[in-house]
Amino acid sequence: MSGTAAAGTTRLIDIVFPGATNHHGTLFGGAGLALMDRVAFIAAARHARADFVTASCERIDFAAPAQLGDIVELTGRVIRVGRRSVGVEVEMVAEAPLAAARRRCTVGVFNMVAVEMPAAMPPPPAHTPEEPGVLRMADLVMPGETSHYGSLYGGSALAFMAKAAFVVATRHSRRAVVMAAAPAVEFAREIRPGAIIEVEARLAREGRSSMTVETELWAEDLGTGERHSCGTGAFVMVAVDEAHRPVALAP
């Protein structure tokens, strides 16, 4: 897997769990905005290799809801550049896991301002096509996700990798999937708060009802862009029916 971040677009993927829903059973608008702001920060930091704060966001209209259980995919890309600021366009799309139907929930522009004046602000990047068959999803390590040692808690790292495995297996099978095993997980380096983390996941093997997804976890320094492979994992995901019994994958 690659040691270089894909240029042009930053992707954050999450799943709508009950804790993020409102009383209507859809993604709470504030939770959606928080995800959009998060991916805007990562995109801005990757672009200018500087620390940013959110100055404002331009009109954001929610055109469609994200339902409980949906996969939500947020993509951020820098569309304009100033002396000390960047405008990041963020799009949020909801995906029904089994039906594969995708709908745009909202799109908006976040204006991010560098805390300190960068040495040079690069122009907006060109889009680079992604490697086929590989899912990449990024996030930011916050202090609440660290252990008492001050580094990313192993359980949080496992959850991030397992989420990527779930998305890959669901998109491949379009079935309800559950984790059956994690036969191989290794961590090589610690990850400190403020680092950008990115997991790369791909389908490695397929059985009658099971799928093995291999993942690699990378840490990226916000200021320099230096990346290190910090862990790998293999997750066995099994397609199940309504009674949670294994079911054969479609040919």
Protein backbone atom coordinates (compact mmCIF):
# COMPACT_ATOMS: atom_id res chain seq x y z
CA MET A 1 0.00 0.00 0.00
CA SER A 2 1.01 3.57 -0.59
CA GLY A 3 3.05 5.85 1.63
CA THR A 4 1.86 8.95 -0.20
CA ALA A 5 -1.37 10.82 0.49
CA ALA A 6 -3.68 11.12 -2.51
CA ALA A 7 -3.60 14.69 -3.82
CA GLY A 8 -6.64 16.84 -4.41
CA THR A 9 -9.35 15.21 -2.32
CA THR A 10 -9.61 14.23 1.34
CA ARG A 11 -12.24 11.64 2.20
CA LEU A 12 -13.79 10.99 5.61
CA ILE A 13 -16.28 8.12 5.96
CA ASP A 14 -18.55 7.41 8.90
CA ILE A 15 -21.62 5.35 9.71
CA VAL A 16 -24.78 6.84 11.19
CA PHE A 17 -25.12 5.18 14.59
CA PRO A 18 -27.93 5.93 17.11
CA GLY A 19 -25.73 8.29 19.14
CA ALA A 20 -25.47 10.66 16.17
CA THR A 21 -29.17 10.74 15.27
CA ASN A 22 -31.93 13.16 16.21
CA HIS A 23 -35.46 12.27 17.35
CA HIS A 24 -36.43 11.70 13.69
CA GLY A 25 -33.93 8.86 13.37
CA THR A 26 -31.73 10.75 10.91
CA LEU A 27 -28.25 12.20 11.28
CA PHE A 28 -28.33 15.21 13.60
CA GLY A 29 -27.50 18.34 11.62
CA GLY A 30 -24.91 19.46 14.15
CA ALA A 31 -23.14 16.11 13.90
CA GLY A 32 -23.10 16.43 10.12
CA LEU A 33 -21.65 19.95 10.32
CA ALA A 34 -18.97 18.75 12.73
CA LEU A 35 -17.91 16.06 10.25
CA MET A 36 -17.83 18.61 7.43
CA ASP A 37 -15.69 20.98 9.49
CA ARG A 38 -13.34 18.12 10.36
CA VAL A 39 -12.71 17.14 6.76
CA ALA A 40 -12.30 20.83 5.81
CA PHE A 41 -9.55 21.19 8.40
CA ILE A 42 -7.72 18.07 7.18
CA ALA A 43 -7.94 19.21 3.55
CA ALA A 44 -6.65 22.69 4.42
CA ALA A 45 -3.81 21.37 6.59
CA ARG A 46 -2.73 18.92 3.90
CA HIS A 47 -2.76 21.67 1.31
CA ALA A 48 -0.70 24.32 3.10
CA ARG A 49 1.02 22.25 5.81
CA ALA A 50 -0.14 24.73 8.42
CA ASP A 51 -2.48 24.77 11.40
CA PHE A 52 -5.91 26.23 10.60
CA VAL A 53 -9.02 27.45 12.37
CA THR A 54 -12.49 27.77 10.88
CA ALA A 55 -13.35 31.39 10.11
CA SER A 56 -16.75 30.93 8.47
CA CYS A 57 -18.82 28.65 6.33
CA GLU A 58 -20.93 29.73 3.39
CA ARG A 59 -24.57 28.80 3.02
CA ILE A 60 -25.20 25.13 3.73
CA ASP A 61 -28.58 23.66 2.80
CA PHE A 62 -29.50 20.11 3.74
CA ALA A 63 -31.24 18.66 0.69
CA ALA A 64 -31.62 15.06 1.90
CA PRO A 65 -31.27 13.28 5.25
CA ALA A 66 -28.80 10.57 6.19
CA GLN A 67 -30.73 7.70 7.73
CA LEU A 68 -29.74 5.52 10.69
CA GLY A 69 -27.32 2.88 9.40
CA ASP A 70 -26.31 4.84 6.29
CA ILE A 71 -22.70 5.21 5.24
CA VAL A 72 -21.87 8.91 5.05
CA GLU A 73 -19.00 9.96 2.83
CA LEU A 74 -17.55 13.45 3.10
CA THR A 75 -15.08 14.76 0.56
CA GLY A 76 -13.15 17.99 0.92
CA ARG A 77 -11.07 19.80 -1.69
CA VAL A 78 -9.43 23.22 -1.74
CA ILE A 79 -11.10 25.41 -4.36
CA ARG A 80 -9.60 28.83 -3.64
CA VAL A 81 -6.52 30.24 -1.94
CA GLY A 82 -5.72 33.57 -0.33
CA ARG A 83 -2.63 34.94 1.42
CA ARG A 84 -3.48 33.22 4.67
CA SER A 85 -6.75 31.43 4.02
CA VAL A 86 -8.21 28.67 1.90
CA GLY A 87 -11.75 27.85 0.87
CA VAL A 88 -12.56 24.15 1.13
CA GLU A 89 -15.60 22.74 -0.62
CA VAL A 90 -17.09 19.86 1.36
CA GLU A 91 -19.74 17.51 0.03
CA MET A 92 -21.64 15.03 2.19
CA VAL A 93 -23.24 12.01 0.51
CA ALA A 94 -25.36 9.35 2.23
CA GLU A 95 -25.28 5.79 0.94
CA ALA A 96 -27.86 3.10 1.74
CA PRO A 97 -25.64 0.09 2.54
CA LEU A 98 -27.77 -2.62 0.94
CA ALA A 99 -29.41 -0.74 -1.92
CA ALA A 100 -26.24 1.16 -2.91
CA ALA A 101 -28.41 4.24 -3.52
CA ARG A 102 -26.42 7.44 -2.97
CA ARG A 103 -27.90 10.87 -2.36
CA ARG A 104 -26.23 14.21 -1.83
CA CYS A 105 -27.16 15.53 1.60
CA THR A 106 -25.42 18.87 1.40
CA VAL A 107 -22.45 20.79 0.06
CA GLY A 108 -20.80 23.90 1.43
CA VAL A 109 -17.61 25.93 1.52
CA PHE A 110 -15.60 26.32 4.73
CA ASN A 111 -13.20 29.27 4.96
CA MET A 112 -10.14 28.22 6.93
CA VAL A 113 -7.52 30.69 8.20
CA ALA A 114 -3.94 29.70 9.07
CA VAL A 115 -2.97 30.32 12.69
CA GLU A 116 0.45 31.53 11.51
CA MET A 117 1.34 32.90 8.09
CA PRO A 118 2.51 29.99 5.90
CA ALA A 119 5.80 30.35 4.05
CA ALA A 120 3.93 30.02 0.76
CA MET A 121 0.33 29.15 -0.02
CA PRO A 122 0.18 26.71 -2.96
CA PRO A 123 -2.48 27.11 -5.65
CA PRO A 124 -5.52 24.79 -5.56
CA PRO A 125 -4.34 21.26 -6.43
CA ALA A 126 -5.33 19.24 -9.45
CA HIS A 127 -7.44 16.18 -8.81
CA THR A 128 -5.51 12.89 -8.80
CA PRO A 129 -7.46 9.71 -9.67
CA GLU A 130 -7.55 7.21 -6.84
CA GLU A 131 -6.18 3.69 -7.03
CA PRO A 132 -8.99 1.30 -8.06
CA GLY A 133 -10.05 -1.20 -5.44
CA VAL A 134 -8.58 0.72 -2.50
CA LEU A 135 -10.67 2.61 0.04
CA ARG A 136 -8.94 5.54 1.72
CA MET A 137 -10.52 7.37 4.63
CA ALA A 138 -8.87 10.00 6.81
CA ASP A 139 -9.54 11.46 10.23
CA LEU A 140 -7.88 13.55 12.91
CA VAL A 141 -6.61 12.26 16.27
CA MET A 142 -8.28 14.28 19.03
CA PRO A 143 -7.19 14.30 22.71
CA GLY A 144 -10.31 12.37 23.76
CA GLU A 145 -9.18 9.40 21.66
CA THR A 146 -5.84 8.98 23.43
CA SER A 147 -4.85 6.66 26.23
CA HIS A 148 -3.22 7.65 29.53
CA TYR A 149 0.12 7.48 27.67
CA GLY A 150 -0.96 10.42 25.50
CA SER A 151 -1.06 8.50 22.22
CA LEU A 152 -3.94 7.12 20.16
CA TYR A 153 -5.73 4.43 22.16
CA GLY A 154 -5.41 1.02 20.50
CA GLY A 155 -9.15 0.43 20.71
CA SER A 156 -9.81 3.65 18.79
CA ALA A 157 -7.33 2.59 16.11
CA LEU A 158 -8.98 -0.83 15.87
CA ALA A 159 -12.42 0.76 15.54
CA PHE A 160 -11.18 3.00 12.72
CA MET A 161 -9.68 0.07 10.82
CA ALA A 162 -12.74 -2.10 11.42
CA LYS A 163 -15.01 0.66 10.11
CA ALA A 164 -13.04 0.70 6.86
CA ALA A 165 -13.32 -3.10 6.64
CA PHE A 166 -17.08 -2.86 7.16
CA VAL A 167 -17.45 -0.30 4.36
CA VAL A 168 -15.36 -2.35 1.92
CA ALA A 169 -17.25 -5.58 2.69
CA THR A 170 -20.66 -3.90 2.55
CA ARG A 171 -19.96 -2.21 -0.77
CA HIS A 172 -18.65 -5.46 -2.22
CA SER A 173 -21.52 -7.69 -1.10
CA ARG A 174 -24.44 -5.28 -0.63
CA ARG A 175 -25.43 -7.48 2.29
CA ALA A 176 -25.67 -6.91 6.00
CA VAL A 177 -22.22 -7.83 7.31
CA VAL A 178 -20.80 -8.51 10.75
CA MET A 179 -17.25 -9.01 11.95
CA ALA A 180 -16.40 -12.67 12.54
CA ALA A 181 -12.69 -12.41 13.34
CA ALA A 182 -9.62 -10.22 13.35
CA PRO A 183 -6.95 -12.87 12.72
CA ALA A 184 -4.01 -10.49 12.38
CA VAL A 185 -3.53 -7.02 13.87
CA GLU A 186 -0.16 -5.42 14.50
CA PHE A 187 0.80 -1.93 15.67
CA ALA A 188 4.27 -0.62 14.85
CA ARG A 189 4.30 3.03 15.99
CA GLU A 190 2.43 5.31 18.35
CA ILE A 191 0.26 8.13 16.99
CA ARG A 192 0.13 11.45 18.80
CA PRO A 193 -2.83 13.87 19.12
CA GLY A 194 -3.16 16.27 16.21
CA ALA A 195 -1.88 13.77 13.67
CA ILE A 196 -3.89 12.98 10.56
CA ILE A 197 -4.62 9.29 10.32
CA GLU A 198 -5.58 7.50 7.15
CA VAL A 199 -6.56 3.88 6.69
CA GLU A 200 -6.24 2.09 3.37
CA ALA A 201 -8.41 -1.00 2.95
CA ARG A 202 -8.94 -3.52 0.19
CA LEU A 203 -10.70 -6.85 -0.31
CA ALA A 204 -8.09 -9.62 -0.09
CA ARG A 205 -10.11 -12.86 -0.19
CA GLU A 206 -13.69 -13.97 -0.62
CA GLY A 207 -15.34 -17.19 0.54
CA ARG A 208 -18.88 -18.51 0.35
CA SER A 209 -20.22 -15.98 2.85
CA SER A 210 -17.05 -14.35 4.19
CA MET A 211 -14.75 -11.58 3.03
CA THR A 212 -11.27 -10.84 4.33
CA VAL A 213 -10.37 -7.16 4.21
CA GLU A 214 -6.78 -6.07 4.71
CA THR A 215 -6.10 -2.64 6.19
CA GLU A 216 -3.09 -0.44 6.80
CA LEU A 217 -3.09 2.51 9.18
CA TRP A 218 -0.95 5.56 8.40
CA ALA A 219 -0.10 8.59 10.51
CA GLU A 220 0.65 11.87 8.77
CA ASP A 221 2.39 14.82 10.39
CA LEU A 222 0.19 17.89 10.01
CA GLY A 223 3.10 20.29 9.49
CA THR A 224 5.50 18.31 7.30
CA GLY A 225 3.31 15.75 5.55
CA GLU A 226 5.68 12.97 6.62
CA ARG A 227 3.83 9.66 6.74
CA HIS A 228 4.53 6.45 8.65
CA SER A 229 2.83 3.09 8.55
CA CYS A 230 1.66 2.52 12.11
CA GLY A 231 -0.28 -0.72 11.90
CA THR A 232 -1.91 -3.39 9.78
CA GLY A 233 -4.94 -5.57 10.28
CA ALA A 234 -6.99 -8.26 8.60
CA PHE A 235 -10.72 -8.48 9.34
CA VAL A 236 -13.05 -11.30 8.37
CA MET A 237 -16.52 -9.97 7.61
CA VAL A 238 -19.47 -12.34 7.12
CA ALA A 239 -22.67 -11.61 5.20
CA VAL A 240 -25.77 -12.43 7.26
CA ASP A 241 -29.55 -12.55 6.80
CA GLU A 242 -32.28 -11.02 8.99
CA ALA A 243 -31.72 -13.71 11.63
CA HIS A 244 -27.96 -13.04 11.64
CA ARG A 245 -27.19 -16.39 10.02
CA PRO A 246 -24.42 -16.55 7.39
CA VAL A 247 -25.75 -16.20 3.87
CA ALA A 248 -24.06 -16.91 0.55
CA LEU A 249 -22.62 -13.99 -1.35
CA ALA A 250 -24.08 -13.26 -4.74
CA PRO A 251 -21.99 -14.53 -7.69
